[in-house]
C-alpha atoms as a PDB file:
ATOM      1  CA  MET A   1      -0.082  -0.167  -0.153  1.00  0.00           C
ATOM      2  CA  ALA A   2       1.122   2.912  -1.530  1.00  0.00           C
ATOM      3  CA  GLU A   3       2.389   5.688   2.327  1.00  0.00           C
ATOM      4  CA  ILE A   4       0.210   9.078   2.304  1.00  0.00           C
ATOM      5  CA  ILE A   5       2.241  12.299   2.576  1.00  0.00           C
ATOM      6  CA  LYS A   6      -0.082  14.929   4.442  1.00  0.00           C
ATOM      7  CA  LEU A   7       1.562  18.727   3.730  1.00  0.00           C
ATOM      8  CA  ASP A   8       0.335  21.033   5.987  1.00  0.00           C
ATOM      9  CA  TYR A   9       1.282  25.087   3.757  1.00  0.00           C
ATOM     10  CA  ASP A  10      -0.686  28.430   4.307  1.00  0.00           C
ATOM     11  CA  ASP A  11      -3.458  28.476   1.456  1.00  0.00           C
ATOM     12  CA  GLY A  12      -4.826  31.557   2.402  1.00  0.00           C
ATOM     13  CA  TYR A  13      -8.455  30.301   3.161  1.00  0.00           C
ATOM     14  CA  LYS A  14     -10.132  31.331   6.782  1.00  0.00           C
ATOM     15  CA  ASN A  15     -12.294  29.593   8.839  1.00  0.00           C
ATOM     16  CA  ILE A  16     -15.230  32.434  10.316  1.00  0.00           C
ATOM     17  CA  GLN A  17     -16.841  31.499  12.756  1.00  0.00           C
ATOM     18  CA  LEU A  18     -20.624  33.825  12.359  1.00  0.00           C
ATOM     19  CA  GLY A  19     -21.248  34.977  15.834  1.00  0.00           C
ATOM     20  CA  ASP A  20     -21.761  33.091  18.660  1.00  0.00           C
ATOM     21  CA  ASP A  21     -22.606  30.025  17.544  1.00  0.00           C
ATOM     22  CA  PRO A  22     -19.874  27.238  17.077  1.00  0.00           C
ATOM     23  CA  ASN A  23     -21.685  25.228  14.242  1.00  0.00           C
ATOM     24  CA  ARG A  24     -21.639  28.149  12.111  1.00  0.00           C
ATOM     25  CA  ILE A  25     -18.399  27.968  10.149  1.00  0.00           C
ATOM     26  CA  ILE A  26     -18.050  29.819   6.606  1.00  0.00           C
ATOM     27  CA  ARG A  27     -14.616  28.889   4.718  1.00  0.00           C
ATOM     28  CA  ILE A  28     -13.311  31.930   2.140  1.00  0.00           C
ATOM     29  CA  ASN A  29      -9.664  32.344   0.755  1.00  0.00           C
ATOM     30  CA  PRO A  30     -10.131  36.835   1.386  1.00  0.00           C
ATOM     31  CA  THR A  31      -7.014  37.229  -0.940  1.00  0.00           C
ATOM     32  CA  ASP A  32      -7.640  34.667  -3.827  1.00  0.00           C
ATOM     33  CA  ALA A  33      -8.128  37.120  -6.619  1.00  0.00           C
ATOM     34  CA  LYS A  34     -11.058  34.922  -8.456  1.00  0.00           C
ATOM     35  CA  PHE A  35     -12.582  35.529  -5.600  1.00  0.00           C
ATOM     36  CA  LEU A  36     -12.512  38.827  -5.084  1.00  0.00           C
ATOM     37  CA  ASN A  37     -13.218  38.633  -8.900  1.00  0.00           C
ATOM     38  CA  ARG A  38     -17.110  37.630  -8.793  1.00  0.00           C
ATOM     39  CA  MET A  39     -16.804  39.487  -5.404  1.00  0.00           C
ATOM     40  CA  ALA A  40     -16.727  42.685  -7.428  1.00  0.00           C
ATOM     41  CA  ASP A  41     -19.557  41.098  -9.620  1.00  0.00           C
ATOM     42  CA  PHE A  42     -22.108  41.633  -6.406  1.00  0.00           C
ATOM     43  CA  ASP A  43     -23.710  44.171  -7.228  1.00  0.00           C
ATOM     44  CA  ILE A  44     -24.305  43.673 -10.693  1.00  0.00           C
ATOM     45  CA  LYS A  45     -25.662  40.089 -10.680  1.00  0.00           C
ATOM     46  CA  SER A  46     -27.671  41.308  -7.432  1.00  0.00           C
ATOM     47  CA  GLU A  47     -29.115  44.478  -8.760  1.00  0.00           C
ATOM     48  CA  LYS A  48     -30.224  42.465 -11.577  1.00  0.00           C
ATOM     49  CA  ILE A  49     -31.835  39.144 -10.181  1.00  0.00           C
ATOM     50  CA  ARG A  50     -33.727  42.390  -8.054  1.00  0.00           C
ATOM     51  CA  GLU A  51     -34.659  44.463 -11.128  1.00  0.00           C
ATOM     52  CA  LYS A  52     -35.924  40.947 -12.446  1.00  0.00           C
ATOM     53  CA  TYR A  53     -38.331  40.104  -9.056  1.00  0.00           C
ATOM     54  CA  LYS A  54     -38.935  44.415  -9.096  1.00  0.00           C
ATOM     55  CA  ASP A  55     -42.697  44.411  -7.872  1.00  0.00           C
ATOM     56  CA  VAL A  56     -40.990  42.479  -4.416  1.00  0.00           C
ATOM     57  CA  ASP A  57     -41.325  45.124  -2.016  1.00  0.00           C
ATOM     58  CA  LEU A  58     -38.476  43.374   0.583  1.00  0.00           C
ATOM     59  CA  ASN A  59     -40.383  45.769   3.230  1.00  0.00           C
ATOM     60  CA  LYS A  60     -43.630  44.040   3.596  1.00  0.00           C
ATOM     61  CA  ILE A  61     -42.094  40.537   4.043  1.00  0.00           C
ATOM     62  CA  THR A  62     -42.845  40.441   7.737  1.00  0.00           C
ATOM     63  CA  GLU A  63     -46.572  40.316   6.811  1.00  0.00           C
ATOM     64  CA  LEU A  64     -45.520  37.842   4.161  1.00  0.00           C
ATOM     65  CA  GLN A  65     -44.809  35.235   7.442  1.00  0.00           C
ATOM     66  CA  ASN A  66     -48.354  35.345   8.889  1.00  0.00           C
ATOM     67  CA  LEU A  67     -50.260  34.902   6.126  1.00  0.00           C
ATOM     68  CA  ASN A  68     -54.409  34.416   6.869  1.00  0.00           C
ATOM     69  CA  GLU A  69     -56.615  32.848   5.200  1.00  0.00           C
ATOM     70  CA  THR A  70     -59.549  35.423   6.411  1.00  0.00           C
ATOM     71  CA  ASP A  71     -57.140  38.449   5.498  1.00  0.00           C
ATOM     72  CA  PRO A  72     -59.020  40.367   1.880  1.00  0.00           C
ATOM     73  CA  GLU A  73     -55.839  40.582   0.386  1.00  0.00           C
ATOM     74  CA  PHE A  74     -54.891  36.968   0.774  1.00  0.00           C
ATOM     75  CA  ASP A  75     -54.347  35.630  -2.790  1.00  0.00           C
ATOM     76  CA  LYS A  76     -52.454  38.895  -3.391  1.00  0.00           C
ATOM     77  CA  LEU A  77     -50.514  37.363  -0.390  1.00  0.00           C
ATOM     78  CA  LYS A  78     -49.921  34.507  -0.752  1.00  0.00           C
ATOM     79  CA  ASP A  79     -48.609  35.300  -5.067  1.00  0.00           C
ATOM     80  CA  ALA A  80     -46.371  37.831  -3.691  1.00  0.00           C
ATOM     81  CA  ALA A  81     -44.498  34.919  -0.744  1.00  0.00           C
ATOM     82  CA  VAL A  82     -44.097  32.741  -4.058  1.00  0.00           C
ATOM     83  CA  VAL A  83     -42.878  35.336  -5.568  1.00  0.00           C
ATOM     84  CA  ALA A  84     -40.461  36.090  -2.565  1.00  0.00           C
ATOM     85  CA  ASP A  85     -39.295  32.065  -1.898  1.00  0.00           C
ATOM     86  CA  GLN A  86     -38.299  32.855  -5.483  1.00  0.00           C
ATOM     87  CA  LEU A  87     -36.095  36.171  -4.700  1.00  0.00           C
ATOM     88  CA  ASP A  88     -34.794  34.564  -2.526  1.00  0.00           C
ATOM     89  CA  CYS A  89     -34.225  31.267  -3.668  1.00  0.00           C
ATOM     90  CA  ALA A  90     -32.205  33.398  -6.878  1.00  0.00           C
ATOM     91  CA  MET A  91     -30.227  35.770  -4.376  1.00  0.00           C
ATOM     92  CA  LYS A  92     -28.749  32.314  -1.979  1.00  0.00           C
ATOM     93  CA  GLU A  93     -27.674  30.987  -5.302  1.00  0.00           C
ATOM     94  CA  LEU A  94     -25.934  34.321  -6.163  1.00  0.00           C
ATOM     95  CA  ILE A  95     -24.198  34.341  -2.681  1.00  0.00           C
ATOM     96  CA  ASN A  96     -23.354  30.395  -3.440  1.00  0.00           C
ATOM     97  CA  GLU A  97     -21.751  30.784  -6.855  1.00  0.00           C
ATOM     98  CA  ILE A  98     -20.511  34.022  -4.828  1.00  0.00           C
ATOM     99  CA  PHE A  99     -18.248  31.812  -2.694  1.00  0.00           C
ATOM    100  CA  GLY A 100     -17.883  28.378  -4.622  1.00  0.00           C
ATOM    101  CA  TYR A 101     -19.890  26.481  -1.730  1.00  0.00           C
ATOM    102  CA  ASP A 102     -23.580  26.804  -0.060  1.00  0.00           C
ATOM    103  CA  ILE A 103     -22.652  29.245   2.329  1.00  0.00           C
ATOM    104  CA  SER A 104     -26.059  29.846   2.268  1.00  0.00           C
ATOM    105  CA  SER A 105     -27.899  26.825   4.452  1.00  0.00           C
ATOM    106  CA  ILE A 106     -24.801  28.451   7.519  1.00  0.00           C
ATOM    107  CA  VAL A 107     -25.186  31.611   7.177  1.00  0.00           C
ATOM    108  CA  PHE A 108     -28.828  31.992   6.665  1.00  0.00           C
ATOM    109  CA  GLY A 109     -29.585  28.405   7.192  1.00  0.00           C
ATOM    110  CA  ALA A 110     -33.726  28.161   6.822  1.00  0.00           C
ATOM    111  CA  ASP A 111     -34.895  31.654   6.877  1.00  0.00           C
ATOM    112  CA  SER A 112     -34.866  34.029   4.487  1.00  0.00           C
ATOM    113  CA  CYS A 113     -32.128  36.300   3.484  1.00  0.00           C
ATOM    114  CA  LEU A 114     -34.877  38.529   2.795  1.00  0.00           C
ATOM    115  CA  SER A 115     -35.720  39.267   6.106  1.00  0.00           C
ATOM    116  CA  PRO A 116     -34.903  42.469   7.252  1.00  0.00           C
ATOM    117  CA  ALA A 117     -32.655  43.482  10.134  1.00  0.00           C
ATOM    118  CA  GLY A 118     -31.711  46.653  10.867  1.00  0.00           C
ATOM    119  CA  GLY A 119     -32.926  48.501   8.318  1.00  0.00           C
ATOM    120  CA  GLN A 120     -31.842  45.617   5.471  1.00  0.00           C
ATOM    121  CA  PRO A 121     -32.728  42.345   4.712  1.00  0.00           C
ATOM    122  CA  ILE A 122     -30.171  40.291   6.259  1.00  0.00           C
ATOM    123  CA  PHE A 123     -28.401  38.938   2.789  1.00  0.00           C
ATOM    124  CA  MET A 124     -26.402  42.730   2.855  1.00  0.00           C
ATOM    125  CA  ASN A 125     -25.533  42.943   6.349  1.00  0.00           C
ATOM    126  CA  PHE A 126     -23.704  39.071   5.395  1.00  0.00           C
ATOM    127  CA  MET A 127     -22.603  41.077   2.003  1.00  0.00           C
ATOM    128  CA  GLN A 128     -21.309  44.696   4.043  1.00  0.00           C
ATOM    129  CA  CYS A 129     -19.665  42.269   6.310  1.00  0.00           C
ATOM    130  CA  ILE A 130     -17.989  39.840   4.554  1.00  0.00           C
ATOM    131  CA  PHE A 131     -16.694  43.285   2.334  1.00  0.00           C
ATOM    132  CA  GLY A 132     -15.153  44.582   5.837  1.00  0.00           C
ATOM    133  CA  TYR A 133     -13.190  41.835   6.820  1.00  0.00           C
ATOM    134  CA  ILE A 134     -11.631  41.229   2.736  1.00  0.00           C
ATOM    135  CA  ALA A 135     -11.330  45.267   2.915  1.00  0.00           C
ATOM    136  CA  LYS A 136      -9.114  43.944   6.568  1.00  0.00           C
ATOM    137  CA  ALA A 137      -7.642  40.625   5.350  1.00  0.00           C
ATOM    138  CA  SER A 138      -6.267  42.700   2.471  1.00  0.00           C
ATOM    139  CA  ALA A 139      -4.331  45.194   3.643  1.00  0.00           C
ATOM    140  CA  GLU A 140      -3.136  43.184   6.502  1.00  0.00           C
ATOM    141  CA  GLU A 141      -1.784  40.897   3.579  1.00  0.00           C
ATOM    142  CA  LYS A 142      -0.526  43.944   1.332  1.00  0.00           C
ATOM    143  CA  GLN A 143       1.468  44.754   4.592  1.00  0.00           C
ATOM    144  CA  LYS A 144       2.836  41.714   5.732  1.00  0.00           C
ATOM    145  CA  SER A 145       3.942  40.605   1.903  1.00  0.00           C
ATOM    146  CA  GLN A 146       5.738  44.462   1.912  1.00  0.00           C
ATOM    147  CA  GLU A 147       7.072  43.960   4.891  1.00  0.00           C
ATOM    148  CA  LYS A 148       9.122  40.139   3.719  1.00  0.00           C
ATOM    149  CA  LEU A 149      10.320  42.079   0.106  1.00  0.00           C
ATOM    150  CA  ARG A 150      11.754  44.617   2.443  1.00  0.00           C
ATOM    151  CA  LYS A 151      14.151  41.811   4.229  1.00  0.00           C
ATOM    152  CA  TYR A 152      15.106  40.286   2.150  1.00  0.00           C
ATOM    153  CA  THR A 153      15.742  43.289  -0.547  1.00  0.00           C
ATOM    154  CA  GLU A 154      17.777  43.972   2.282  1.00  0.00           C
ATOM    155  CA  GLN A 155      19.408  40.802   3.342  1.00  0.00           C
ATOM    156  CA  ARG A 156      20.566  40.893  -0.860  1.00  0.00           C
ATOM    157  CA  ASN A 157      21.922  43.908  -0.973  1.00  0.00           C
ATOM    158  CA  ALA A 158      23.380  43.128   1.906  1.00  0.00           C
ATOM    159  CA  ALA A 159      25.152  40.151  -0.045  1.00  0.00           C
ATOM    160  CA  ILE A 160      26.996  42.072  -2.692  1.00  0.00           C
ATOM    161  CA  GLY A 161      27.761  44.785  -0.529  1.00  0.00           C
ATOM    162  CA  LEU A 162      25.623  47.363  -1.420  1.00  0.00           C
ATOM    163  CA  SER A 163      24.243  49.790   1.126  1.00  0.00           C
ATOM    164  CA  LYS A 164      21.321  51.753   1.669  1.00  0.00           C
END
């Protein structure tokens, strides 16, 4: 039987716990160029999805959660709930596409990503949080790279007799 050799190296991936729940761990590489390109398209793609479902009033989502058959607007609200579910699925699919795996199940669970919190849908809260983290992580990686480059440049210059 062939020997299995295990190699560990820094691949840039970070495990991020969401809130205080140790079961809500997402895994991303915040400095991966392909991931960053997919993130850059988020606004354009999410706007296309919102345009497709423009009849959905996100502010009415909370009303849809309490459908009552005796309400005279029941059929209209039920139709709106169906469209809201389609929009929810489309946004989750977009987020999964950006991250490259089913991250929505971890982030939103069975909840609608359209549910409002803090004045906007929770998918926007999540994406803004991720954008902030990526900006911070990218700045930290850039600084680390510059420090290593400076160190190696100094070593090289010392080895060949160049002064600063």
